[in-house]
Amino acid sequence: MCLCAAGLLSNSQRVNSKTNMASTSLKDHEAAMQVAIDLATQSPFCAVITNAISGKILAKGVNATPSNPILHGEIVCMNNYVSLMGNKNWSAIILYTTGEPCPMCMSALIWAGIGGVVFGSSINTIKKSGIAAFEYSAKDINEASSFSQTQLIGGVLETQCDALFLNRKKFNP
């Protein structure tokens, strides 16, 4: 059941993308992605949320699945955002993540109504690194939603992100 139709989301929480990622330069996308990459000291799965207009970092997250299986980097970052900023303004932010979001994370981002998602490594590279992953891409999940207005860009600082996954043995299990 759609939470919007059921009245479980307020008007401010409904999906209404105001973010225009085309107006953000590649240099700005790369700067935000570099912040996510720099978080990768214990896990290659890291994310940051920025204000879509100013580029200011609003939240950060690193995979914490050893303590809870749903705490992927994107989910930790979303929880950090809510704790710092409240459950609001999702359409005016961009999440940058080192790896293409899995179906759980992409669905959560769509339900939140986030304006944009930018990732580095593709799901195919993540699978090549030996990490189990779903066959569904973030694009597949985004397109499967009749209400998503989330913009999606892949391959930002892909070489650096790929190295995180392909060299992940240096990370703790």
N, C-alpha and C. Protein backbone atom coordinates (compact mmCIF):
# COMPACT_ATOMS: atom_id res chain seq x y z
N MET A 1 0.84 -1.18 0.00
CA MET A 1 0.00 0.00 0.00
C MET A 1 0.89 1.24 0.00
N CYS A 2 0.56 2.23 -0.78
CA CYS A 2 1.30 3.48 -0.84
C CYS A 2 1.07 4.27 0.44
N LEU A 3 2.14 4.67 1.10
CA LEU A 3 2.00 5.44 2.33
C LEU A 3 1.38 6.81 2.07
N CYS A 4 1.63 7.36 0.89
CA CYS A 4 1.02 8.66 0.56
C CYS A 4 -0.49 8.53 0.49
N ALA A 5 -0.94 7.52 -0.24
CA ALA A 5 -2.38 7.31 -0.41
C ALA A 5 -3.05 6.96 0.92
N ALA A 6 -2.31 6.27 1.79
CA ALA A 6 -2.88 5.88 3.07
C ALA A 6 -2.86 7.04 4.07
N GLY A 7 -2.29 8.17 3.67
CA GLY A 7 -2.25 9.32 4.55
C GLY A 7 -1.19 9.21 5.64
N LEU A 8 -0.23 8.29 5.46
CA LEU A 8 0.80 8.09 6.48
C LEU A 8 2.00 9.00 6.30
N LEU A 9 2.08 9.70 5.17
CA LEU A 9 3.13 10.68 4.96
C LEU A 9 2.50 12.06 4.89
N SER A 10 3.13 13.02 5.54
CA SER A 10 2.64 14.39 5.48
C SER A 10 2.97 14.99 4.12
N ASN A 11 2.40 16.15 3.82
CA ASN A 11 2.69 16.80 2.55
C ASN A 11 4.18 17.08 2.40
N SER A 12 4.87 17.44 3.49
CA SER A 12 6.29 17.74 3.40
C SER A 12 7.13 16.49 3.18
N GLN A 13 6.59 15.32 3.47
CA GLN A 13 7.32 14.08 3.29
C GLN A 13 7.04 13.43 1.94
N ARG A 14 6.04 13.86 1.24
CA ARG A 14 5.70 13.26 -0.04
C ARG A 14 6.82 13.51 -1.04
N VAL A 15 6.95 12.61 -2.00
CA VAL A 15 7.98 12.73 -3.01
C VAL A 15 7.67 13.94 -3.89
N ASN A 16 8.57 14.90 -3.90
CA ASN A 16 8.41 16.11 -4.68
C ASN A 16 9.80 16.66 -4.93
N SER A 17 10.49 16.13 -5.91
CA SER A 17 11.87 16.50 -6.14
C SER A 17 12.00 17.92 -6.66
N LYS A 18 12.72 18.74 -5.91
CA LYS A 18 13.02 20.10 -6.32
C LYS A 18 14.49 20.21 -6.70
N THR A 19 15.24 19.17 -6.47
CA THR A 19 16.66 19.15 -6.77
C THR A 19 16.85 19.04 -8.27
N ASN A 20 17.77 19.83 -8.79
CA ASN A 20 18.14 19.73 -10.20
C ASN A 20 19.62 19.40 -10.25
N MET A 21 19.94 18.11 -10.29
CA MET A 21 21.34 17.71 -10.25
C MET A 21 22.10 18.14 -11.50
N ALA A 22 21.41 18.45 -12.58
CA ALA A 22 22.08 18.92 -13.79
C ALA A 22 22.75 20.27 -13.55
N SER A 23 22.26 21.03 -12.56
CA SER A 23 22.86 22.33 -12.28
C SER A 23 24.06 22.22 -11.34
N THR A 24 24.34 21.02 -10.83
CA THR A 24 25.51 20.79 -9.99
C THR A 24 26.66 20.35 -10.88
N SER A 25 27.80 21.03 -10.74
CA SER A 25 28.94 20.71 -11.60
C SER A 25 29.55 19.36 -11.23
N LEU A 26 30.23 18.75 -12.18
CA LEU A 26 30.94 17.50 -11.94
C LEU A 26 31.95 17.70 -10.81
N LYS A 27 32.61 18.84 -10.80
CA LYS A 27 33.59 19.15 -9.74
C LYS A 27 32.93 19.11 -8.37
N ASP A 28 31.72 19.65 -8.24
CA ASP A 28 31.01 19.63 -6.96
C ASP A 28 30.56 18.21 -6.59
N HIS A 29 30.10 17.44 -7.57
CA HIS A 29 29.75 16.04 -7.32
C HIS A 29 30.99 15.27 -6.84
N GLU A 30 32.11 15.51 -7.49
CA GLU A 30 33.35 14.82 -7.12
C GLU A 30 33.81 15.21 -5.72
N ALA A 31 33.66 16.48 -5.35
CA ALA A 31 34.07 16.93 -4.01
C ALA A 31 33.25 16.24 -2.93
N ALA A 32 31.95 16.12 -3.14
CA ALA A 32 31.09 15.45 -2.16
C ALA A 32 31.41 13.95 -2.11
N MET A 33 31.63 13.34 -3.27
CA MET A 33 31.97 11.91 -3.29
C MET A 33 33.30 11.67 -2.58
N GLN A 34 34.23 12.60 -2.72
CA GLN A 34 35.53 12.43 -2.05
C GLN A 34 35.36 12.40 -0.54
N VAL A 35 34.42 13.15 -0.01
CA VAL A 35 34.14 13.11 1.43
C VAL A 35 33.68 11.71 1.82
N ALA A 36 32.81 11.11 1.01
CA ALA A 36 32.34 9.74 1.28
C ALA A 36 33.51 8.76 1.21
N ILE A 37 34.35 8.90 0.21
CA ILE A 37 35.51 8.02 0.06
C ILE A 37 36.42 8.13 1.28
N ASP A 38 36.62 9.34 1.76
CA ASP A 38 37.50 9.57 2.91
C ASP A 38 36.99 8.91 4.19
N LEU A 39 35.70 8.60 4.25
CA LEU A 39 35.13 7.92 5.42
C LEU A 39 35.48 6.43 5.44
N ALA A 40 35.96 5.90 4.33
CA ALA A 40 36.14 4.45 4.17
C ALA A 40 37.40 3.95 4.86
N THR A 41 37.38 3.93 6.17
CA THR A 41 38.50 3.37 6.93
C THR A 41 38.16 2.00 7.49
N GLN A 42 36.88 1.69 7.67
CA GLN A 42 36.46 0.40 8.20
C GLN A 42 35.56 -0.38 7.24
N SER A 43 34.99 0.30 6.27
CA SER A 43 34.10 -0.33 5.30
C SER A 43 34.14 0.47 4.01
N PRO A 44 34.04 -0.21 2.87
CA PRO A 44 34.00 0.54 1.61
C PRO A 44 32.64 1.20 1.35
N PHE A 45 31.62 0.81 2.10
CA PHE A 45 30.27 1.35 1.90
C PHE A 45 30.06 2.58 2.78
N CYS A 46 30.21 3.76 2.19
CA CYS A 46 30.08 5.02 2.93
C CYS A 46 29.21 6.00 2.14
N ALA A 47 28.59 6.92 2.87
CA ALA A 47 27.69 7.88 2.23
C ALA A 47 27.71 9.22 2.95
N VAL A 48 27.40 10.26 2.21
CA VAL A 48 27.19 11.60 2.78
C VAL A 48 25.95 12.21 2.13
N ILE A 49 25.32 13.09 2.86
CA ILE A 49 24.17 13.85 2.34
C ILE A 49 24.59 15.30 2.29
N THR A 50 24.27 15.95 1.17
CA THR A 50 24.57 17.37 1.01
C THR A 50 23.31 18.17 0.71
N ASN A 51 23.39 19.44 1.00
CA ASN A 51 22.38 20.38 0.55
C ASN A 51 22.59 20.50 -0.96
N ALA A 52 21.54 20.33 -1.74
CA ALA A 52 21.67 20.31 -3.19
C ALA A 52 22.12 21.64 -3.77
N ILE A 53 21.85 22.73 -3.09
CA ILE A 53 22.22 24.04 -3.62
C ILE A 53 23.61 24.47 -3.16
N SER A 54 23.85 24.39 -1.85
CA SER A 54 25.13 24.88 -1.31
C SER A 54 26.23 23.83 -1.35
N GLY A 55 25.87 22.56 -1.39
CA GLY A 55 26.86 21.50 -1.33
C GLY A 55 27.34 21.20 0.08
N LYS A 56 26.82 21.90 1.07
CA LYS A 56 27.22 21.69 2.46
C LYS A 56 26.90 20.26 2.89
N ILE A 57 27.86 19.62 3.55
CA ILE A 57 27.66 18.27 4.08
C ILE A 57 26.73 18.36 5.29
N LEU A 58 25.63 17.61 5.23
CA LEU A 58 24.62 17.64 6.29
C LEU A 58 24.63 16.37 7.15
N ALA A 59 25.14 15.26 6.61
CA ALA A 59 25.15 14.00 7.35
C ALA A 59 26.16 13.05 6.72
N LYS A 60 26.60 12.07 7.54
CA LYS A 60 27.56 11.07 7.08
C LYS A 60 27.14 9.70 7.59
N GLY A 61 27.56 8.66 6.88
CA GLY A 61 27.26 7.30 7.33
C GLY A 61 28.24 6.29 6.79
N VAL A 62 28.57 5.32 7.64
CA VAL A 62 29.44 4.21 7.27
C VAL A 62 28.70 2.92 7.60
N ASN A 63 28.82 1.94 6.73
CA ASN A 63 28.18 0.65 6.94
C ASN A 63 28.45 0.14 8.35
N ALA A 64 27.38 -0.30 9.04
CA ALA A 64 27.49 -0.83 10.40
C ALA A 64 26.76 -2.17 10.49
N THR A 65 26.79 -2.96 9.42
CA THR A 65 26.07 -4.24 9.42
C THR A 65 26.56 -5.25 10.43
N PRO A 66 27.81 -5.18 10.92
CA PRO A 66 28.18 -6.12 11.97
C PRO A 66 27.31 -5.98 13.24
N SER A 67 26.78 -4.78 13.47
CA SER A 67 25.92 -4.58 14.65
C SER A 67 24.44 -4.68 14.32
N ASN A 68 24.07 -4.49 13.05
CA ASN A 68 22.67 -4.55 12.64
C ASN A 68 22.63 -4.74 11.12
N PRO A 69 22.00 -5.80 10.63
CA PRO A 69 22.08 -6.11 9.20
C PRO A 69 21.46 -5.07 8.26
N ILE A 70 20.63 -4.19 8.76
CA ILE A 70 20.05 -3.18 7.87
C ILE A 70 20.82 -1.86 7.87
N LEU A 71 21.88 -1.78 8.64
CA LEU A 71 22.62 -0.53 8.72
C LEU A 71 23.68 -0.40 7.63
N HIS A 72 23.18 -0.37 6.40
CA HIS A 72 24.05 -0.08 5.26
C HIS A 72 24.46 1.39 5.36
N GLY A 73 25.52 1.76 4.66
CA GLY A 73 26.03 3.13 4.73
C GLY A 73 24.97 4.19 4.46
N GLU A 74 24.11 3.93 3.47
CA GLU A 74 23.06 4.90 3.13
C GLU A 74 22.05 5.04 4.27
N ILE A 75 21.69 3.93 4.90
CA ILE A 75 20.71 3.97 5.99
C ILE A 75 21.30 4.67 7.20
N VAL A 76 22.56 4.39 7.52
CA VAL A 76 23.23 5.08 8.63
C VAL A 76 23.26 6.58 8.34
N CYS A 77 23.56 6.95 7.11
CA CYS A 77 23.60 8.36 6.72
C CYS A 77 22.22 9.01 6.83
N MET A 78 21.18 8.30 6.37
CA MET A 78 19.81 8.83 6.48
C MET A 78 19.44 9.03 7.95
N ASN A 79 19.78 8.06 8.80
CA ASN A 79 19.49 8.19 10.23
C ASN A 79 20.24 9.36 10.85
N ASN A 80 21.49 9.56 10.43
CA ASN A 80 22.29 10.69 10.91
C ASN A 80 21.64 12.00 10.48
N TYR A 81 21.17 12.06 9.24
CA TYR A 81 20.49 13.26 8.74
C TYR A 81 19.26 13.57 9.58
N VAL A 82 18.43 12.56 9.84
CA VAL A 82 17.21 12.78 10.63
C VAL A 82 17.57 13.25 12.04
N SER A 83 18.60 12.67 12.64
CA SER A 83 18.97 13.07 14.00
C SER A 83 19.50 14.50 14.05
N LEU A 84 20.14 14.95 12.96
CA LEU A 84 20.70 16.31 12.94
C LEU A 84 19.74 17.36 12.38
N MET A 85 18.97 16.98 11.37
CA MET A 85 18.16 17.96 10.63
C MET A 85 16.66 17.75 10.76
N GLY A 86 16.24 16.60 11.27
CA GLY A 86 14.83 16.27 11.32
C GLY A 86 14.41 15.55 10.05
N ASN A 87 13.20 15.04 10.05
CA ASN A 87 12.67 14.30 8.91
C ASN A 87 11.99 15.29 7.95
N LYS A 88 12.82 16.08 7.28
CA LYS A 88 12.28 17.13 6.41
C LYS A 88 13.27 17.48 5.30
N ASN A 89 12.79 18.18 4.32
CA ASN A 89 13.59 18.72 3.22
C ASN A 89 14.30 17.66 2.38
N TRP A 90 13.77 16.46 2.34
CA TRP A 90 14.41 15.39 1.58
C TRP A 90 14.56 15.73 0.10
N SER A 91 13.61 16.45 -0.47
CA SER A 91 13.69 16.75 -1.90
C SER A 91 14.77 17.76 -2.23
N ALA A 92 15.35 18.41 -1.22
CA ALA A 92 16.37 19.43 -1.44
C ALA A 92 17.78 18.93 -1.12
N ILE A 93 17.94 17.60 -1.03
CA ILE A 93 19.26 17.05 -0.69
C ILE A 93 19.68 15.99 -1.69
N ILE A 94 20.99 15.72 -1.67
CA ILE A 94 21.58 14.68 -2.52
C ILE A 94 22.37 13.75 -1.62
N LEU A 95 22.20 12.45 -1.82
CA LEU A 95 23.01 11.46 -1.11
C LEU A 95 24.09 10.96 -2.07
N TYR A 96 25.34 10.98 -1.60
CA TYR A 96 26.48 10.47 -2.34
C TYR A 96 26.92 9.19 -1.65
N THR A 97 27.07 8.12 -2.42
CA THR A 97 27.44 6.84 -1.84
C THR A 97 28.51 6.17 -2.70
N THR A 98 29.46 5.55 -2.03
CA THR A 98 30.58 4.94 -2.74
C THR A 98 30.16 3.78 -3.63
N GLY A 99 29.09 3.09 -3.25
CA GLY A 99 28.61 1.96 -4.04
C GLY A 99 27.16 2.13 -4.41
N GLU A 100 26.79 1.64 -5.56
CA GLU A 100 25.40 1.72 -6.03
C GLU A 100 24.46 1.17 -4.96
N PRO A 101 23.42 1.92 -4.60
CA PRO A 101 22.51 1.46 -3.55
C PRO A 101 21.82 0.14 -3.89
N CYS A 102 21.72 -0.72 -2.89
CA CYS A 102 20.99 -1.98 -3.03
C CYS A 102 19.49 -1.68 -3.08
N PRO A 103 18.67 -2.66 -3.39
CA PRO A 103 17.22 -2.42 -3.43
C PRO A 103 16.65 -1.87 -2.11
N MET A 104 17.14 -2.36 -0.96
CA MET A 104 16.64 -1.85 0.32
C MET A 104 16.95 -0.37 0.47
N CYS A 105 18.20 0.00 0.22
CA CYS A 105 18.60 1.40 0.40
C CYS A 105 17.94 2.31 -0.63
N MET A 106 17.89 1.88 -1.88
CA MET A 106 17.27 2.70 -2.91
C MET A 106 15.80 2.90 -2.61
N SER A 107 15.14 1.85 -2.14
CA SER A 107 13.72 1.98 -1.78
C SER A 107 13.54 2.97 -0.63
N ALA A 108 14.40 2.90 0.37
CA ALA A 108 14.32 3.84 1.50
C ALA A 108 14.52 5.27 1.03
N LEU A 109 15.46 5.47 0.12
CA LEU A 109 15.71 6.81 -0.40
C LEU A 109 14.51 7.32 -1.19
N ILE A 110 13.90 6.45 -1.97
CA ILE A 110 12.70 6.84 -2.73
C ILE A 110 11.56 7.17 -1.78
N TRP A 111 11.34 6.31 -0.77
CA TRP A 111 10.25 6.57 0.19
C TRP A 111 10.47 7.89 0.92
N ALA A 112 11.73 8.23 1.20
CA ALA A 112 12.01 9.51 1.87
C ALA A 112 11.72 10.68 0.94
N GLY A 113 11.79 10.45 -0.36
CA GLY A 113 11.57 11.52 -1.33
C GLY A 113 12.82 12.32 -1.62
N ILE A 114 13.99 11.68 -1.48
CA ILE A 114 15.25 12.38 -1.70
C ILE A 114 15.33 12.90 -3.12
N GLY A 115 15.94 14.06 -3.27
CA GLY A 115 16.03 14.68 -4.59
C GLY A 115 16.98 13.99 -5.53
N GLY A 116 18.11 13.49 -5.00
CA GLY A 116 19.08 12.88 -5.88
C GLY A 116 19.98 11.89 -5.17
N VAL A 117 20.48 10.94 -5.94
CA VAL A 117 21.43 9.94 -5.45
C VAL A 117 22.57 9.86 -6.47
N VAL A 118 23.79 9.96 -5.96
CA VAL A 118 24.98 9.86 -6.80
C VAL A 118 25.83 8.73 -6.23
N PHE A 119 26.26 7.80 -7.10
CA PHE A 119 27.09 6.71 -6.61
C PHE A 119 28.36 6.58 -7.44
N GLY A 120 29.35 5.91 -6.84
CA GLY A 120 30.63 5.68 -7.52
C GLY A 120 30.66 4.35 -8.22
N SER A 121 30.84 3.26 -7.47
CA SER A 121 30.95 1.92 -8.04
C SER A 121 29.59 1.35 -8.41
N SER A 122 29.56 0.63 -9.51
CA SER A 122 28.32 -0.02 -9.95
C SER A 122 28.11 -1.31 -9.17
N ILE A 123 26.89 -1.79 -9.20
CA ILE A 123 26.56 -3.06 -8.56
C ILE A 123 27.39 -4.19 -9.18
N ASN A 124 27.70 -4.10 -10.46
CA ASN A 124 28.51 -5.13 -11.12
C ASN A 124 29.93 -5.18 -10.55
N THR A 125 30.53 -4.03 -10.30
CA THR A 125 31.86 -4.00 -9.69
C THR A 125 31.82 -4.54 -8.28
N ILE A 126 30.79 -4.19 -7.54
CA ILE A 126 30.65 -4.68 -6.17
C ILE A 126 30.57 -6.21 -6.18
N LYS A 127 29.80 -6.76 -7.12
CA LYS A 127 29.70 -8.22 -7.24
C LYS A 127 31.05 -8.83 -7.65
N LYS A 128 31.77 -8.18 -8.55
CA LYS A 128 33.08 -8.68 -8.98
C LYS A 128 34.07 -8.71 -7.83
N SER A 129 33.87 -7.85 -6.83
CA SER A 129 34.78 -7.82 -5.69
C SER A 129 34.51 -8.95 -4.71
N GLY A 130 33.46 -9.74 -4.98
CA GLY A 130 33.14 -10.86 -4.12
C GLY A 130 32.06 -10.59 -3.10
N ILE A 131 31.47 -9.44 -3.15
CA ILE A 131 30.39 -9.08 -2.23
C ILE A 131 29.06 -9.52 -2.84
N ALA A 132 28.27 -10.25 -2.07
CA ALA A 132 26.95 -10.68 -2.56
C ALA A 132 26.07 -9.45 -2.80
N ALA A 133 25.37 -9.45 -3.91
CA ALA A 133 24.52 -8.30 -4.25
C ALA A 133 23.34 -8.77 -5.10
N PHE A 134 22.26 -8.02 -5.00
CA PHE A 134 21.08 -8.29 -5.81
C PHE A 134 21.37 -7.99 -7.27
N GLU A 135 20.61 -8.60 -8.15
CA GLU A 135 20.74 -8.36 -9.59
C GLU A 135 20.07 -7.04 -10.02
N TYR A 136 19.25 -6.48 -9.16
CA TYR A 136 18.52 -5.27 -9.50
C TYR A 136 19.38 -4.04 -9.27
N SER A 137 19.42 -3.17 -10.25
CA SER A 137 20.20 -1.93 -10.12
C SER A 137 19.36 -0.86 -9.43
N ALA A 138 20.03 0.19 -8.99
CA ALA A 138 19.33 1.33 -8.40
C ALA A 138 18.36 1.93 -9.44
N LYS A 139 18.79 1.94 -10.69
CA LYS A 139 17.93 2.45 -11.76
C LYS A 139 16.67 1.59 -11.89
N ASP A 140 16.83 0.25 -11.80
CA ASP A 140 15.67 -0.66 -11.87
C ASP A 140 14.67 -0.33 -10.77
N ILE A 141 15.17 -0.14 -9.56
CA ILE A 141 14.30 0.14 -8.41
C ILE A 141 13.63 1.51 -8.60
N ASN A 142 14.41 2.49 -9.02
CA ASN A 142 13.88 3.84 -9.22
C ASN A 142 12.78 3.84 -10.28
N GLU A 143 13.01 3.13 -11.36
CA GLU A 143 12.03 3.09 -12.45
C GLU A 143 10.81 2.23 -12.11
N ALA A 144 10.95 1.33 -11.14
CA ALA A 144 9.82 0.47 -10.75
C ALA A 144 8.79 1.22 -9.90
N SER A 145 9.17 2.39 -9.41
CA SER A 145 8.27 3.20 -8.61
C SER A 145 7.50 4.15 -9.51
N SER A 146 6.19 4.14 -9.38
CA SER A 146 5.38 5.05 -10.20
C SER A 146 5.39 6.47 -9.66
N PHE A 147 5.98 6.68 -8.47
CA PHE A 147 5.94 8.01 -7.86
C PHE A 147 7.32 8.63 -7.63
N SER A 148 8.39 7.89 -7.87
CA SER A 148 9.73 8.42 -7.58
C SER A 148 10.10 9.54 -8.53
N GLN A 149 10.65 10.60 -7.95
CA GLN A 149 11.21 11.69 -8.73
C GLN A 149 12.69 11.83 -8.40
N THR A 150 13.26 10.78 -7.84
CA THR A 150 14.67 10.79 -7.47
C THR A 150 15.54 10.74 -8.70
N GLN A 151 16.46 11.68 -8.79
CA GLN A 151 17.42 11.70 -9.89
C GLN A 151 18.60 10.81 -9.51
N LEU A 152 19.20 10.17 -10.47
CA LEU A 152 20.24 9.18 -10.22
C LEU A 152 21.41 9.40 -11.17
N ILE A 153 22.62 9.45 -10.61
CA ILE A 153 23.84 9.57 -11.41
C ILE A 153 24.83 8.53 -10.89
N GLY A 154 25.41 7.77 -11.78
CA GLY A 154 26.41 6.77 -11.40
C GLY A 154 27.76 7.08 -12.00
N GLY A 155 28.79 6.46 -11.42
CA GLY A 155 30.13 6.55 -11.98
C GLY A 155 30.95 7.76 -11.55
N VAL A 156 30.53 8.48 -10.52
CA VAL A 156 31.30 9.63 -10.06
C VAL A 156 32.47 9.13 -9.20
N LEU A 157 33.68 9.49 -9.59
CA LEU A 157 34.92 9.00 -8.97
C LEU A 157 34.92 7.47 -8.91
N GLU A 158 34.47 6.89 -10.00
CA GLU A 158 34.30 5.44 -10.08
C GLU A 158 35.61 4.68 -9.82
N THR A 159 36.71 5.14 -10.37
CA THR A 159 37.98 4.44 -10.20
C THR A 159 38.37 4.38 -8.72
N GLN A 160 38.23 5.49 -8.01
CA GLN A 160 38.57 5.53 -6.59
C GLN A 160 37.61 4.65 -5.76
N CYS A 161 36.34 4.70 -6.09
CA CYS A 161 35.35 3.88 -5.38
C CYS A 161 35.57 2.40 -5.68
N ASP A 162 35.84 2.07 -6.95
CA ASP A 162 36.11 0.68 -7.32
C ASP A 162 37.27 0.13 -6.49
N ALA A 163 38.31 0.93 -6.30
CA ALA A 163 39.47 0.49 -5.53
C ALA A 163 39.08 0.14 -4.09
N LEU A 164 38.12 0.89 -3.52
CA LEU A 164 37.66 0.58 -2.16
C LEU A 164 37.10 -0.84 -2.09
N PHE A 165 36.30 -1.21 -3.06
CA PHE A 165 35.65 -2.52 -3.06
C PHE A 165 36.63 -3.63 -3.46
N LEU A 166 37.42 -3.38 -4.49
CA LEU A 166 38.34 -4.40 -4.97
C LEU A 166 39.48 -4.67 -3.99
N ASN A 167 39.79 -3.70 -3.16
CA ASN A 167 40.85 -3.84 -2.16
C ASN A 167 40.29 -3.95 -0.75
N ARG A 168 39.08 -4.40 -0.61
CA ARG A 168 38.39 -4.36 0.68
C ARG A 168 38.98 -5.25 1.76
N LYS A 169 39.88 -6.13 1.42
CA LYS A 169 40.48 -7.02 2.42
C LYS A 169 41.16 -6.22 3.53
N LYS A 170 41.52 -4.97 3.24
CA LYS A 170 42.16 -4.15 4.26
C LYS A 170 41.17 -3.70 5.34
N PHE A 171 39.87 -3.86 5.07
CA PHE A 171 38.84 -3.48 6.03
C PHE A 171 38.55 -4.61 6.99
N ASN A 172 38.10 -4.25 8.17
CA ASN A 172 37.68 -5.26 9.14
C ASN A 172 36.42 -5.95 8.64
N PRO A 173 36.22 -7.23 8.98
CA PRO A 173 35.01 -7.93 8.50
C PRO A 173 33.75 -7.36 9.10
